[in-house]
């Protein structure tokens, strides 16, 4: 019986693995700057296929984001993991990541331009330009919100455990894309003042927005490599990861219907 169960589990894992992994490393450009992302295309005969740009956390393009793109492709979307830093510039340490990500967060127009380059490339690869979404993790979650603030050509944006703040000298603007924020209820890196300011920004921008909190979840709750020690402020939470993925898929279904 034990052998039978083990064999069945191995077969299920093989089937699950074969459902993904259809993507590939992908080179594109922002002007003359070479970028290296990851492209996963839906296996669909439909004429109009929505597209999703995935913005990584501060360490750059990773197995986690690439797997996300594969999952999105399996759901019927073309997906491109955006390279924000540039080809060969992924940080080698958290210190480098902090420096690189801070540059883009402090220069939102440049950040928005890098995101726009990914959107343009995804459209070139066959995604419907009228049906594009941007999602992001941590630093990438901030980027998803910048896509909305910068009036980039997207229908919706989703932030997973992302920073919500912006420079207080920046004026509030109308937020046209739909906004979904998926947030760890115990995230120590996003103070209540930042949450309050973000919600005020959404109201001032007349946005169609949602913010969902996950109990017992801290920063990076979707990232298995983050470990499971909440006291560090960064940890994986299996239930929050599962629920946030379900909320994402519902959002995309509604967005592209």
Protein backbone atom coordinates (compact mmCIF):
# COMPACT_ATOMS: atom_id res chain seq x y z
CA UNK A 1 0.00 0.00 0.00
CA UNK A 2 2.84 2.39 0.94
CA UNK A 3 4.58 1.72 -2.40
CA UNK A 4 1.32 2.35 -4.26
CA UNK A 5 0.76 5.68 -2.48
CA UNK A 6 4.35 6.77 -3.11
CA UNK A 7 4.09 5.87 -6.79
CA UNK A 8 0.82 7.78 -7.09
CA UNK A 9 2.32 10.86 -5.45
CA UNK A 10 5.32 10.72 -7.79
CA UNK A 11 3.01 10.45 -10.80
CA UNK A 12 0.93 13.41 -9.60
CA UNK A 13 4.08 15.45 -9.10
CA UNK A 14 5.27 14.57 -12.60
CA UNK A 15 1.94 15.61 -14.10
CA UNK A 16 1.98 18.85 -12.13
CA UNK A 17 5.54 19.60 -13.19
CA UNK A 18 4.76 18.90 -16.85
CA UNK A 19 1.94 21.44 -16.70
CA UNK A 20 4.48 24.21 -16.22
CA UNK A 21 8.01 24.90 -17.38
CA UNK A 22 6.84 25.90 -20.86
CA UNK A 23 8.49 29.31 -20.60
CA UNK A 24 11.98 30.39 -21.55
CA UNK A 25 14.55 33.05 -20.78
CA UNK A 26 13.82 35.98 -23.02
CA UNK A 27 15.86 38.99 -24.19
CA UNK A 28 14.33 42.34 -25.06
CA UNK A 29 15.24 46.02 -24.75
CA UNK A 30 14.32 49.30 -23.12
CA UNK A 31 15.63 51.64 -25.81
CA UNK A 32 19.24 50.52 -26.18
CA UNK A 33 19.43 48.87 -22.77
CA UNK A 34 19.44 45.04 -23.00
CA UNK A 35 17.07 43.24 -20.64
CA UNK A 36 16.72 39.56 -19.79
CA UNK A 37 13.34 38.33 -18.57
CA UNK A 38 11.28 35.17 -18.86
CA UNK A 39 8.47 34.56 -21.34
CA UNK A 40 5.69 31.97 -20.98
CA UNK A 41 3.00 31.91 -23.66
CA UNK A 42 -0.42 30.35 -23.40
CA UNK A 43 -1.10 27.35 -25.60
CA UNK A 44 -4.28 28.75 -27.07
CA UNK A 45 -5.85 29.17 -30.48
CA UNK A 46 -7.86 32.20 -29.40
CA UNK A 47 -7.31 35.35 -31.41
CA UNK A 48 -7.31 37.57 -28.35
CA UNK A 49 -5.08 36.44 -25.47
CA UNK A 50 -4.66 38.66 -22.41
CA UNK A 51 -1.18 39.36 -21.12
CA UNK A 52 0.31 39.66 -17.64
CA UNK A 53 3.61 41.35 -16.82
CA UNK A 54 5.21 39.95 -13.65
CA UNK A 55 7.60 42.25 -11.76
CA UNK A 56 10.03 40.43 -9.45
CA UNK A 57 11.00 41.22 -5.88
CA UNK A 58 14.23 43.13 -5.25
CA UNK A 59 16.55 40.20 -6.06
CA UNK A 60 15.34 40.26 -9.67
CA UNK A 61 14.12 37.55 -12.03
CA UNK A 62 13.91 34.28 -10.09
CA UNK A 63 12.59 30.74 -10.06
CA UNK A 64 9.60 32.02 -8.10
CA UNK A 65 8.61 34.62 -10.70
CA UNK A 66 9.29 32.26 -13.59
CA UNK A 67 7.04 29.64 -12.02
CA UNK A 68 4.37 32.31 -11.63
CA UNK A 69 4.62 33.08 -15.35
CA UNK A 70 4.29 29.37 -16.17
CA UNK A 71 1.19 29.12 -14.00
CA UNK A 72 -0.33 32.15 -15.71
CA UNK A 73 0.37 30.63 -19.12
CA UNK A 74 -1.35 27.44 -17.98
CA UNK A 75 -4.39 29.58 -17.15
CA UNK A 76 -4.47 30.97 -20.69
CA UNK A 77 -2.45 34.20 -20.41
CA UNK A 78 0.75 35.28 -22.10
CA UNK A 79 3.15 36.21 -19.29
CA UNK A 80 6.46 38.07 -19.23
CA UNK A 81 8.67 38.39 -16.16
CA UNK A 82 10.10 41.89 -16.45
CA UNK A 83 13.79 42.62 -16.02
CA UNK A 84 13.95 45.96 -14.20
CA UNK A 85 17.68 46.20 -13.51
CA UNK A 86 19.12 45.21 -16.89
CA UNK A 87 20.83 42.17 -18.35
CA UNK A 88 23.46 40.72 -16.03
CA UNK A 89 22.70 43.19 -13.23
CA UNK A 90 20.75 41.03 -10.79
CA UNK A 91 22.02 41.77 -7.28
CA UNK A 92 24.22 39.27 -5.50
CA UNK A 93 23.23 40.26 -1.97
CA UNK A 94 20.42 42.00 -0.08
CA UNK A 95 22.68 45.05 0.25
CA UNK A 96 23.01 45.30 -3.54
CA UNK A 97 19.29 44.63 -3.93
CA UNK A 98 18.46 47.45 -1.52
CA UNK A 99 20.64 49.87 -3.50
CA UNK A 100 19.28 48.88 -6.90
CA UNK A 101 15.63 48.78 -5.89
CA UNK A 102 15.92 52.10 -4.05
CA UNK A 103 17.16 53.75 -7.22
CA UNK A 104 14.01 52.77 -9.11
CA UNK A 105 11.66 53.52 -6.22
CA UNK A 106 13.23 56.98 -5.94
CA UNK A 107 13.02 57.50 -9.70
CA UNK A 108 9.45 56.38 -10.50
CA UNK A 109 9.47 57.69 -14.08
CA UNK A 110 12.46 55.45 -14.89
CA UNK A 111 10.76 52.55 -13.10
CA UNK A 112 7.58 53.12 -15.09
CA UNK A 113 9.57 53.21 -18.33
CA UNK A 114 11.09 49.80 -17.60
CA UNK A 115 7.63 48.41 -16.92
CA UNK A 116 6.30 49.97 -20.13
CA UNK A 117 9.11 48.24 -22.06
CA UNK A 118 7.89 44.89 -20.73
CA UNK A 119 4.29 45.71 -21.64
CA UNK A 120 5.31 46.69 -25.17
CA UNK A 121 7.32 43.50 -25.59
CA UNK A 122 4.49 41.32 -24.32
CA UNK A 123 2.17 42.89 -26.89
CA UNK A 124 4.78 42.20 -29.60
CA UNK A 125 4.68 38.56 -28.49
CA UNK A 126 0.95 38.35 -29.18
CA UNK A 127 -0.82 39.61 -26.07
CA UNK A 128 -3.96 41.67 -26.61
CA UNK A 129 -2.95 45.33 -26.03
CA UNK A 130 -6.42 46.07 -24.68
CA UNK A 131 -6.13 43.34 -22.04
CA UNK A 132 -2.92 43.72 -20.07
CA UNK A 133 -2.35 43.43 -16.33
CA UNK A 134 0.75 44.01 -14.21
CA UNK A 135 1.43 42.05 -11.04
CA UNK A 136 4.41 42.23 -8.74
CA UNK A 137 6.02 40.90 -5.57
CA UNK A 138 7.51 43.11 -2.81
CA UNK A 139 9.58 45.68 -4.79
CA UNK A 140 7.62 44.46 -7.80
CA UNK A 141 4.36 45.12 -5.97
CA UNK A 142 5.42 48.74 -5.71
CA UNK A 143 6.10 48.60 -9.45
CA UNK A 144 2.60 47.32 -10.16
CA UNK A 145 1.22 50.35 -8.33
CA UNK A 146 3.58 52.60 -10.30
CA UNK A 147 2.09 51.20 -13.50
CA UNK A 148 -1.27 52.52 -12.30
CA UNK A 149 0.16 55.84 -11.08
CA UNK A 150 1.97 56.33 -14.38
CA UNK A 151 -1.17 55.71 -16.45
CA UNK A 152 0.50 52.85 -18.32
CA UNK A 153 -1.75 50.98 -20.80
CA UNK A 154 -3.05 48.32 -18.40
CA UNK A 155 -6.51 47.28 -17.21
CA UNK A 156 -5.46 46.20 -13.76
CA UNK A 157 -2.56 45.88 -11.32
CA UNK A 158 -1.92 43.52 -8.41
CA UNK A 159 0.55 43.97 -5.56
CA UNK A 160 1.66 40.95 -3.51
CA UNK A 161 3.17 42.09 -0.18
CA UNK A 162 4.45 45.24 -1.88
CA UNK A 163 5.44 48.63 -0.58
CA UNK A 164 2.49 51.02 -0.87
CA UNK A 165 4.15 54.38 -0.34
CA UNK A 166 5.22 57.11 -2.69
CA UNK A 167 7.04 60.41 -2.30
CA UNK A 168 4.71 62.80 -0.52
CA UNK A 169 5.69 65.58 -2.93
CA UNK A 170 4.04 63.70 -5.79
CA UNK A 171 0.50 64.80 -6.51
CA UNK A 172 -2.35 62.31 -6.48
CA UNK A 173 -3.57 61.39 -9.96
CA UNK A 174 -6.62 59.64 -11.35
CA UNK A 175 -6.09 55.87 -11.13
CA UNK A 176 -7.74 54.27 -14.15
CA UNK A 177 -6.65 50.59 -13.82
CA UNK A 178 -8.35 48.37 -11.27
CA UNK A 179 -6.14 47.82 -8.23
CA UNK A 180 -5.79 44.76 -6.00
CA UNK A 181 -3.44 44.80 -2.99
CA UNK A 182 -2.72 41.45 -1.28
CA UNK A 183 -1.19 42.22 2.07
CA UNK A 184 0.19 40.37 5.08
CA UNK A 185 -1.73 41.55 8.15
CA UNK A 186 1.47 41.42 10.23
CA UNK A 187 3.89 42.86 7.64
CA UNK A 188 6.35 45.00 9.67
CA UNK A 189 7.78 46.70 6.57
CA UNK A 190 4.58 48.52 5.68
CA UNK A 191 3.58 50.77 8.59
CA UNK A 192 0.00 51.78 9.23
CA UNK A 193 0.74 55.37 8.19
CA UNK A 194 1.76 54.10 4.74
CA UNK A 195 -1.39 52.01 4.46
CA UNK A 196 -3.56 54.97 5.43
CA UNK A 197 -1.82 57.25 2.92
CA UNK A 198 -2.21 54.64 0.18
CA UNK A 199 -5.91 54.27 0.83
CA UNK A 200 -6.33 58.03 0.77
CA UNK A 201 -4.46 58.08 -2.54
CA UNK A 202 -6.83 55.50 -4.00
CA UNK A 203 -9.87 57.48 -2.86
CA UNK A 204 -8.44 60.74 -4.22
CA UNK A 205 -7.70 59.01 -7.52
CA UNK A 206 -11.25 57.62 -7.72
CA UNK A 207 -9.77 54.15 -8.14
CA UNK A 208 -11.60 50.84 -8.27
CA UNK A 209 -9.46 49.23 -5.58
CA UNK A 210 -9.42 46.32 -3.16
CA UNK A 211 -7.09 45.50 -0.28
CA UNK A 212 -7.10 42.04 1.25
CA UNK A 213 -5.31 41.16 4.48
CA UNK A 214 -4.03 37.68 5.37
CA UNK A 215 -3.87 36.70 9.03
CA UNK A 216 -0.52 35.70 10.53
CA UNK A 217 1.26 36.69 7.32
CA UNK A 218 4.35 38.91 7.19
CA UNK A 219 6.44 40.18 4.28
CA UNK A 220 7.17 37.83 1.34
CA UNK A 221 4.40 35.40 2.32
CA UNK A 222 4.30 33.89 -1.20
CA UNK A 223 8.01 33.03 -1.29
CA UNK A 224 8.88 29.48 -0.08
CA UNK A 225 12.56 30.38 0.15
CA UNK A 226 11.76 32.95 2.86
CA UNK A 227 11.46 30.24 5.52
CA UNK A 228 8.71 30.11 8.13
CA UNK A 229 9.96 32.28 11.01
CA UNK A 230 7.53 35.21 11.27
CA UNK A 231 9.74 36.87 13.90
CA UNK A 232 12.16 37.80 11.12
CA UNK A 233 9.44 39.85 9.43
CA UNK A 234 9.89 37.86 6.22
CA UNK A 235 8.41 34.38 5.95
CA UNK A 236 6.43 32.05 3.73
CA UNK A 237 2.81 31.40 4.66
CA UNK A 238 1.31 28.52 2.71
CA UNK A 239 -2.30 29.43 3.42
CA UNK A 240 -1.81 33.12 2.56
CA UNK A 241 0.05 32.15 -0.60
CA UNK A 242 -2.79 29.85 -1.66
CA UNK A 243 -5.50 32.38 -0.87
CA UNK A 244 -3.68 35.25 -2.57
CA UNK A 245 -3.26 33.18 -5.73
CA UNK A 246 -6.98 32.44 -5.71
CA UNK A 247 -7.71 36.14 -5.28
CA UNK A 248 -5.40 36.92 -8.20
CA UNK A 249 -7.09 34.43 -10.52
CA UNK A 250 -10.54 35.77 -9.63
CA UNK A 251 -9.34 39.32 -10.26
CA UNK A 252 -7.90 38.41 -13.68
CA UNK A 253 -11.03 36.50 -14.68
CA UNK A 254 -13.18 39.50 -13.84
CA UNK A 255 -10.73 41.94 -15.43
CA UNK A 256 -10.56 40.19 -18.78
CA UNK A 257 -14.12 38.92 -19.08
